Amino acid sequence: MAPLTDTNGPVTIIALPNETLCAILLYFSPPTLTGIARVSQRFKAVAERLLYSSIHLNETLSESSPLPWKTLRWCESMRQRAHLIEATKKLQIRWQADLRSTFSQSLNPVCVQISDVLRLLVFLESLEIFLGPANLAPSHDEPIHAIERVIRGTHLPLLRHCSLGAEWTKGVQPYTSVLSSFLASASALRHLKLPDHLAGLDLPPGALPSLSSFRGSADTAANLLPGRPVQALALVGQDSDVTRENLPRMTLTSVPLRYLDLSAMSVRPLLLRNVSTHFPTLERLRVKLALRHTLHYAFSGIRLLAGLSAVLSAFRQLELIDLSPTDVDGVGRADAKEELVLVREWGRACPSLRRVIFPSETEWEWQAEGTWASC
């Protein structure tokens, strides 16, 4: 490679300004950056800012190793490197339990350590914390969700992406007002995921004024969406959780909902009909169909999907229907002729439709010449 030059001759990488050096090092992997940090004090300063700008901590907890050591080491490292607090923009912590282990270790002290560090990261823009079994172990401390031990007293004014949760089972400690207080203070938040929150949120009307997407339970969505500019919604749980009471409340957003993701639940025809009634302005729909409820499926393959025509006709702006999350084990790959018949039928029922993804994961697109073609 030829050396860099300017009007005065060759320029070595050492002579580059920190901004240019940082732009170059952005392309290196974390292990490489760790090696670069050993070159010199200047390289260490630049490489460390990049390494600490985006933190990803993924750990599996077991009976033989019940503590998240990576997380604990990161907490200690941040306490020793206060000068890197401003550089930290993204934090992801994910714990999971070894399925072969019976987990009883209390992780509350670790949650408190994370909380002490998190309160310092006021420049954070993205936060994803999944604490796995942390909320399952019995606790003799105050009744508070493990996630709330982490976020209590934290204010993140620049936070735009937030995902919070832990493993859930009946009878575990639910969320309290601590979560609501944390979210109410995150005025810049645009994307929120609360997979294990099953009730309403006690938020003031003006909270989360910029929220544009939400993933969580039907009851939480019904409480959160009204009056907020949410355009993308993903529901978790059972399709029976979506009721005649909470579904209409999800339509009360300040802007029309454009994208609905039902891939985390097995959806029966009744829910699809209700969705088409309440959300006729959807543009993108992702669904995991409960085909096991239809006896004919084992004999007639995807032809039973012809029944979706009546549902699709209610959508006025639907461009994409994605059925790829649907389980088709034991049925085999769909026939292209059957798929073509279906997309033509659906296209007539829903003239705005431009793309279809079948359970077989084959894709069909509407072409400019007015025909359907597989991708």
Protein backbone atom coordinates (compact mmCIF):
# COMPACT_ATOMS: atom_id res chain seq x y z
CA MET A 1 0.00 0.00 0.00
CA ALA A 2 1.37 3.41 -0.93
CA PRO A 3 1.95 5.77 2.01
CA LEU A 4 -0.42 8.66 2.60
CA THR A 5 0.92 11.95 1.28
CA ASP A 6 0.20 15.64 1.55
CA THR A 7 1.90 18.67 0.04
CA ASN A 8 4.86 18.22 2.35
CA GLY A 9 5.49 14.54 1.57
CA PRO A 10 4.55 11.15 3.08
CA VAL A 11 2.31 11.05 6.18
CA THR A 12 2.66 8.22 8.68
CA ILE A 13 -0.39 6.89 10.53
CA ILE A 14 1.11 8.23 13.75
CA ALA A 15 0.85 11.75 12.39
CA LEU A 16 -2.86 11.45 11.61
CA PRO A 17 -5.27 13.44 13.81
CA ASN A 18 -7.28 11.41 16.33
CA GLU A 19 -10.52 11.88 14.37
CA THR A 20 -8.99 10.32 11.24
CA LEU A 21 -7.32 7.54 13.23
CA CYS A 22 -10.65 6.76 14.88
CA ALA A 23 -12.39 6.58 11.49
CA ILE A 24 -9.77 4.06 10.30
CA LEU A 25 -9.93 1.89 13.42
CA LEU A 26 -13.73 1.66 13.19
CA TYR A 27 -13.25 -1.11 10.62
CA PHE A 28 -11.30 -3.37 12.98
CA SER A 29 -12.80 -6.13 15.13
CA PRO A 30 -12.72 -5.90 18.96
CA PRO A 31 -9.91 -8.48 19.29
CA THR A 32 -7.81 -6.50 16.80
CA LEU A 33 -8.56 -3.25 18.61
CA THR A 34 -7.42 -4.87 21.85
CA GLY A 35 -4.07 -5.60 20.22
CA ILE A 36 -3.84 -2.10 18.75
CA ALA A 37 -4.41 -0.61 22.21
CA ARG A 38 -1.06 -2.10 23.28
CA VAL A 39 0.92 -0.24 20.60
CA SER A 40 1.15 3.09 22.38
CA GLN A 41 -0.66 5.35 24.83
CA ARG A 42 -2.19 7.32 21.96
CA PHE A 43 -3.42 4.20 20.18
CA LYS A 44 -4.76 2.90 23.48
CA ALA A 45 -6.78 6.07 24.04
CA VAL A 46 -8.40 5.87 20.59
CA ALA A 47 -8.93 2.09 20.59
CA GLU A 48 -10.43 2.09 24.08
CA ARG A 49 -13.04 4.67 23.13
CA LEU A 50 -14.11 2.44 20.25
CA LEU A 51 -14.09 -0.72 22.37
CA TYR A 52 -16.22 0.87 25.08
CA SER A 53 -18.61 2.66 22.73
CA SER A 54 -20.62 -0.53 22.15
CA ILE A 55 -20.67 -3.16 24.90
CA HIS A 56 -22.06 -6.69 24.29
CA LEU A 57 -22.07 -9.09 27.24
CA ASN A 58 -23.62 -12.52 26.60
CA GLU A 59 -23.34 -15.11 29.37
CA THR A 60 -24.70 -18.55 30.25
CA LEU A 61 -25.19 -19.18 33.97
CA SER A 62 -25.00 -22.66 35.48
CA GLU A 63 -24.68 -24.41 38.83
CA SER A 64 -20.92 -24.61 38.35
CA SER A 65 -20.67 -20.97 37.23
CA PRO A 66 -23.67 -19.15 38.74
CA LEU A 67 -22.33 -15.61 38.44
CA PRO A 68 -22.00 -13.45 35.28
CA TRP A 69 -18.27 -12.85 35.47
CA LYS A 70 -18.04 -10.86 32.21
CA THR A 71 -20.63 -8.43 33.54
CA LEU A 72 -18.85 -8.09 36.87
CA ARG A 73 -15.51 -7.44 35.15
CA TRP A 74 -17.12 -4.81 32.94
CA CYS A 75 -18.60 -3.05 35.99
CA GLU A 76 -15.18 -2.94 37.62
CA SER A 77 -13.56 -1.77 34.39
CA MET A 78 -16.02 1.12 34.01
CA ARG A 79 -15.40 2.22 37.58
CA GLN A 80 -11.69 2.40 36.78
CA ARG A 81 -12.19 4.20 33.45
CA ALA A 82 -14.44 7.15 34.17
CA HIS A 83 -12.99 8.93 31.12
CA LEU A 84 -14.80 6.40 28.87
CA ILE A 85 -18.28 7.09 30.24
CA GLU A 86 -18.94 9.71 27.58
CA ALA A 87 -17.90 7.28 24.83
CA THR A 88 -20.38 4.52 25.82
CA LYS A 89 -23.39 4.73 23.50
CA LYS A 90 -24.69 1.16 23.42
CA LEU A 91 -24.98 -1.45 26.18
CA GLN A 92 -26.27 -5.00 25.76
CA ILE A 93 -26.35 -7.48 28.64
CA ARG A 94 -27.92 -10.90 28.06
CA TRP A 95 -27.93 -13.71 30.61
CA GLN A 96 -29.39 -17.15 30.12
CA ALA A 97 -29.51 -20.20 32.36
CA ASP A 98 -28.10 -23.57 31.41
CA LEU A 99 -31.21 -25.69 30.77
CA ARG A 100 -29.66 -28.58 32.69
CA SER A 101 -29.29 -26.52 35.85
CA THR A 102 -31.69 -25.80 38.67
CA PHE A 103 -30.97 -22.14 39.29
CA SER A 104 -31.33 -20.78 42.82
CA GLN A 105 -28.48 -18.27 43.00
CA SER A 106 -29.61 -14.76 43.90
CA LEU A 107 -28.25 -12.25 41.40
CA ASN A 108 -29.48 -9.17 43.25
CA PRO A 109 -25.96 -7.99 44.25
CA VAL A 110 -24.86 -8.14 40.61
CA CYS A 111 -27.95 -6.17 39.56
CA VAL A 112 -27.01 -3.48 42.09
CA GLN A 113 -23.49 -3.29 40.66
CA ILE A 114 -24.87 -2.84 37.14
CA SER A 115 -27.17 -0.13 38.47
CA ASP A 116 -24.28 1.79 40.01
CA VAL A 117 -22.52 1.90 36.64
CA LEU A 118 -25.65 2.51 34.56
CA ARG A 119 -26.44 5.69 36.48
CA LEU A 120 -23.16 7.12 35.19
CA LEU A 121 -23.83 6.34 31.50
CA VAL A 122 -25.89 9.43 30.77
CA PHE A 123 -24.77 9.47 27.11
CA LEU A 124 -26.23 6.03 26.42
CA GLU A 125 -28.39 5.81 23.28
CA SER A 126 -29.22 2.10 23.21
CA LEU A 127 -29.89 -0.19 26.18
CA GLU A 128 -30.74 -3.91 25.98
CA ILE A 129 -30.84 -5.89 29.20
CA PHE A 130 -32.18 -9.43 29.50
CA LEU A 131 -31.44 -10.92 32.90
CA GLY A 132 -32.46 -14.52 32.23
CA PRO A 133 -33.14 -16.30 35.55
CA ALA A 134 -32.40 -13.29 37.76
CA ASN A 135 -36.08 -12.77 38.60
CA LEU A 136 -36.77 -16.47 39.27
CA ALA A 137 -34.56 -17.10 42.29
CA PRO A 138 -36.22 -16.47 45.68
CA SER A 139 -35.27 -13.17 47.28
CA HIS A 140 -35.49 -11.98 50.86
CA ASP A 141 -34.88 -8.37 49.87
CA GLU A 142 -37.53 -5.79 49.05
CA PRO A 143 -40.12 -6.95 46.47
CA ILE A 144 -38.84 -5.52 43.21
CA HIS A 145 -38.26 -6.96 39.74
CA ALA A 146 -34.63 -7.77 38.87
CA ILE A 147 -34.73 -5.31 35.96
CA GLU A 148 -35.90 -2.57 38.30
CA ARG A 149 -32.92 -3.19 40.57
CA VAL A 150 -30.79 -2.26 37.56
CA ILE A 151 -32.69 0.81 36.30
CA ARG A 152 -33.80 2.32 39.63
CA GLY A 153 -32.58 5.89 39.97
CA THR A 154 -31.25 5.97 36.40
CA HIS A 155 -31.93 8.85 34.02
CA LEU A 156 -30.85 8.44 30.39
CA PRO A 157 -31.90 11.58 28.49
CA LEU A 158 -30.42 10.47 25.13
CA LEU A 159 -31.83 6.92 25.15
CA ARG A 160 -33.55 6.01 21.87
CA HIS A 161 -33.62 2.18 21.92
CA CYS A 162 -34.59 0.21 25.02
CA SER A 163 -35.26 -3.50 25.60
CA LEU A 164 -35.78 -4.80 29.14
CA GLY A 165 -36.79 -8.24 30.39
CA ALA A 166 -36.08 -11.53 32.14
CA GLU A 167 -37.39 -15.05 32.13
CA TRP A 168 -40.96 -15.26 33.37
CA THR A 169 -43.08 -17.85 35.11
CA LYS A 170 -46.29 -17.66 37.07
CA GLY A 171 -45.84 -16.19 40.53
CA VAL A 172 -42.59 -14.29 39.98
CA GLN A 173 -42.15 -10.72 41.14
CA PRO A 174 -44.00 -8.35 38.76
CA TYR A 175 -42.85 -4.90 37.74
CA THR A 176 -43.64 -1.95 39.99
CA SER A 177 -43.77 1.82 39.54
CA VAL A 178 -39.96 1.88 39.22
CA LEU A 179 -40.23 0.86 35.55
CA SER A 180 -42.83 3.55 34.86
CA SER A 181 -40.64 6.21 36.46
CA PHE A 182 -37.65 5.16 34.39
CA LEU A 183 -39.61 5.24 31.11
CA ALA A 184 -41.26 8.55 31.96
CA SER A 185 -37.81 10.12 32.25
CA ALA A 186 -36.65 8.78 28.85
CA SER A 187 -38.18 11.53 26.73
CA ALA A 188 -36.09 10.71 23.61
CA LEU A 189 -37.12 7.03 23.51
CA ARG A 190 -38.32 5.80 20.10
CA HIS A 191 -38.16 2.00 20.29
CA LEU A 192 -39.26 -0.05 23.32
CA LYS A 193 -39.39 -3.81 24.05
CA LEU A 194 -40.86 -5.23 27.26
CA PRO A 195 -41.32 -8.97 26.59
CA ASP A 196 -42.14 -9.99 30.18
CA HIS A 197 -44.32 -7.04 31.20
CA LEU A 198 -47.92 -8.25 31.32
CA ALA A 199 -49.92 -5.33 32.70
CA GLY A 200 -50.49 -1.64 32.17
CA LEU A 201 -47.94 1.13 32.70
CA ASP A 202 -48.72 4.09 34.91
CA LEU A 203 -47.26 6.75 32.61
CA PRO A 204 -48.28 10.41 32.46
CA PRO A 205 -49.99 11.42 29.18
CA GLY A 206 -46.96 13.39 27.95
CA ALA A 207 -44.44 10.60 28.50
CA LEU A 208 -42.66 8.94 25.55
CA PRO A 209 -43.76 11.58 23.02
CA SER A 210 -41.58 10.13 20.23
CA LEU A 211 -42.27 6.41 20.68
CA SER A 212 -42.57 4.82 17.22
CA SER A 213 -42.31 1.06 17.89
CA PHE A 214 -43.26 -1.31 20.71
CA ARG A 215 -42.89 -5.04 21.36
CA GLY A 216 -44.67 -6.62 24.31
CA SER A 217 -47.90 -8.06 25.65
CA ALA A 218 -51.35 -7.10 24.41
CA ASP A 219 -52.40 -5.56 27.73
CA THR A 220 -49.25 -3.42 27.93
CA ALA A 221 -49.70 -2.32 24.31
CA ALA A 222 -53.33 -1.37 24.94
CA ASN A 223 -52.21 0.82 27.83
CA LEU A 224 -49.13 2.30 26.14
CA LEU A 225 -50.17 3.02 22.54
CA PRO A 226 -53.09 5.47 22.92
CA GLY A 227 -52.01 9.01 22.07
CA ARG A 228 -48.48 8.06 21.03
CA PRO A 229 -47.04 7.99 17.46
CA VAL A 230 -46.44 4.21 17.37
CA GLN A 231 -46.28 2.90 13.79
CA ALA A 232 -44.83 -0.59 14.43
CA LEU A 233 -46.26 -3.09 16.92
CA ALA A 234 -45.09 -6.63 17.78
CA LEU A 235 -47.19 -8.66 20.21
CA VAL A 236 -45.96 -11.53 22.39
CA GLY A 237 -47.90 -14.18 24.31
CA GLN A 238 -50.98 -16.15 23.20
CA ASP A 239 -53.48 -15.01 20.58
CA SER A 240 -56.17 -15.39 23.26
CA ASP A 241 -54.45 -12.51 25.12
CA VAL A 242 -55.71 -10.18 22.36
CA THR A 243 -59.30 -9.47 23.35
CA ARG A 244 -62.28 -7.37 22.36
CA GLU A 245 -61.32 -5.03 25.20
CA ASN A 246 -57.61 -4.40 24.54
CA LEU A 247 -57.46 -4.64 20.72
CA PRO A 248 -59.57 -1.47 20.09
CA ARG A 249 -57.33 0.50 22.45
CA MET A 250 -54.29 -0.37 20.34
CA THR A 251 -55.86 1.56 17.46
CA LEU A 252 -55.83 4.85 19.39
CA THR A 253 -52.32 5.84 18.31
CA SER A 254 -51.73 9.43 17.19
CA VAL A 255 -50.65 8.14 13.74
CA PRO A 256 -51.93 5.08 11.84
CA LEU A 257 -50.25 1.78 12.69
CA ARG A 258 -48.31 0.61 9.62
CA TYR A 259 -46.57 -2.62 10.69
CA LEU A 260 -47.94 -5.45 12.84
CA ASP A 261 -45.83 -8.46 13.85
CA LEU A 262 -47.71 -11.51 15.18
CA SER A 263 -44.86 -13.96 14.70
CA ALA A 264 -44.41 -14.60 18.45
CA MET A 265 -47.82 -16.23 18.85
CA SER A 266 -49.85 -18.87 16.99
CA VAL A 267 -52.64 -16.90 15.32
CA ARG A 268 -56.05 -18.40 14.60
CA PRO A 269 -58.39 -17.06 11.89
CA LEU A 270 -60.59 -15.20 14.39
CA LEU A 271 -57.75 -12.92 15.48
CA LEU A 272 -56.81 -12.20 11.86
CA ARG A 273 -60.38 -11.16 11.12
CA ASN A 274 -60.39 -8.87 14.17
CA VAL A 275 -57.06 -7.36 13.13
CA SER A 276 -58.35 -6.63 9.62
CA THR A 277 -61.37 -4.90 11.14
CA HIS A 278 -59.42 -2.68 13.53
CA PHE A 279 -56.26 -2.02 11.46
CA PRO A 280 -57.36 -1.58 7.82
CA THR A 281 -54.45 0.82 7.15
CA LEU A 282 -51.68 -1.75 7.83
CA GLU A 283 -48.93 -1.84 5.20
CA ARG A 284 -46.91 -4.82 6.49
CA LEU A 285 -48.22 -7.87 8.33
CA ARG A 286 -46.08 -10.72 9.73
CA VAL A 287 -47.99 -13.73 11.06
CA LYS A 288 -47.39 -17.18 12.53
CA LEU A 289 -50.55 -19.07 11.57
CA ALA A 290 -51.95 -21.76 13.87
CA LEU A 291 -52.36 -24.26 11.03
CA ARG A 292 -52.57 -27.16 13.47
CA HIS A 293 -56.13 -26.07 14.20
CA THR A 294 -57.15 -26.89 10.62
CA LEU A 295 -57.63 -30.62 9.95
CA HIS A 296 -57.50 -30.19 6.19
CA TYR A 297 -53.91 -28.93 6.32
CA ALA A 298 -52.44 -32.44 6.39
CA PHE A 299 -54.28 -33.30 3.17
CA SER A 300 -54.49 -30.13 1.11
CA GLY A 301 -51.20 -28.33 1.80
CA ILE A 302 -51.19 -24.57 1.41
CA ARG A 303 -54.48 -24.46 -0.48
CA LEU A 304 -56.24 -23.98 2.84
CA LEU A 305 -54.63 -20.50 2.88
CA ALA A 306 -57.16 -19.50 0.22
CA GLY A 307 -59.40 -18.67 3.16
CA LEU A 308 -57.22 -15.62 3.83
CA SER A 309 -58.70 -13.84 0.82
CA ALA A 310 -61.67 -12.60 2.81
CA VAL A 311 -59.35 -11.24 5.52
CA LEU A 312 -56.97 -9.55 3.08
CA SER A 313 -59.81 -7.79 1.28
CA ALA A 314 -60.35 -5.64 4.39
CA PHE A 315 -56.86 -4.11 4.14
CA ARG A 316 -56.73 -1.03 1.93
CA GLN A 317 -52.96 -0.39 2.01
CA LEU A 318 -51.37 -3.78 2.71
CA GLU A 319 -48.16 -4.24 0.69
CA LEU A 320 -46.54 -7.25 2.40
CA ILE A 321 -47.84 -10.34 4.14
CA ASP A 322 -45.11 -12.51 5.65
CA LEU A 323 -46.19 -16.02 6.70
CA SER A 324 -42.66 -17.41 7.01
CA PRO A 325 -42.82 -17.81 10.84
CA THR A 326 -45.57 -20.43 10.33
CA ASP A 327 -44.50 -23.95 11.28
CA VAL A 328 -44.77 -26.37 8.34
CA ASP A 329 -42.73 -29.29 9.72
CA GLY A 330 -43.68 -32.57 8.12
CA VAL A 331 -45.59 -30.99 5.26
CA GLY A 332 -42.76 -30.26 2.85
CA ARG A 333 -42.08 -27.41 0.50
CA ALA A 334 -45.08 -25.85 -1.17
CA ASP A 335 -45.73 -26.26 -4.88
CA ALA A 336 -45.02 -23.19 -7.04
CA LYS A 337 -48.27 -23.65 -9.00
CA GLU A 338 -50.30 -23.63 -5.78
CA GLU A 339 -48.48 -20.53 -4.58
CA LEU A 340 -49.08 -18.72 -7.86
CA VAL A 341 -52.80 -19.48 -7.66
CA LEU A 342 -52.88 -18.08 -4.14
CA VAL A 343 -50.97 -14.85 -4.81
CA ARG A 344 -53.22 -14.13 -7.79
CA GLU A 345 -56.27 -14.71 -5.64
CA TRP A 346 -54.93 -12.57 -2.82
CA GLY A 347 -53.90 -9.84 -5.26
CA ARG A 348 -57.46 -9.61 -6.55
CA ALA A 349 -58.80 -9.45 -2.99
CA CYS A 350 -56.19 -6.87 -1.91
CA PRO A 351 -55.07 -4.74 -4.91
CA SER A 352 -52.37 -2.96 -2.84
CA LEU A 353 -50.52 -6.26 -2.17
CA ARG A 354 -47.02 -6.31 -3.67
CA ARG A 355 -45.10 -9.05 -1.81
CA VAL A 356 -45.97 -12.40 -0.25
CA ILE A 357 -43.71 -14.70 1.80
CA PHE A 358 -45.17 -18.19 2.26
CA PRO A 359 -44.60 -20.60 5.20
CA SER A 360 -42.16 -22.40 2.90
CA GLU A 361 -40.17 -19.08 2.88
CA THR A 362 -40.56 -18.74 -0.88
CA GLU A 363 -41.22 -15.13 -1.90
CA TRP A 364 -43.44 -13.72 -4.61
CA GLU A 365 -43.41 -10.13 -5.86
CA TRP A 366 -45.75 -8.13 -8.06
CA GLN A 367 -43.93 -7.09 -11.23
CA ALA A 368 -44.21 -3.84 -13.17
CA GLU A 369 -45.75 -5.69 -16.12
CA GLY A 370 -48.67 -6.76 -13.95
CA THR A 371 -47.72 -10.36 -13.08
CA TRP A 372 -46.51 -12.25 -10.01
CA ALA A 373 -43.03 -13.80 -10.00
CA SER A 374 -41.16 -15.86 -7.39
CA CYS A 375 -37.87 -14.43 -6.10
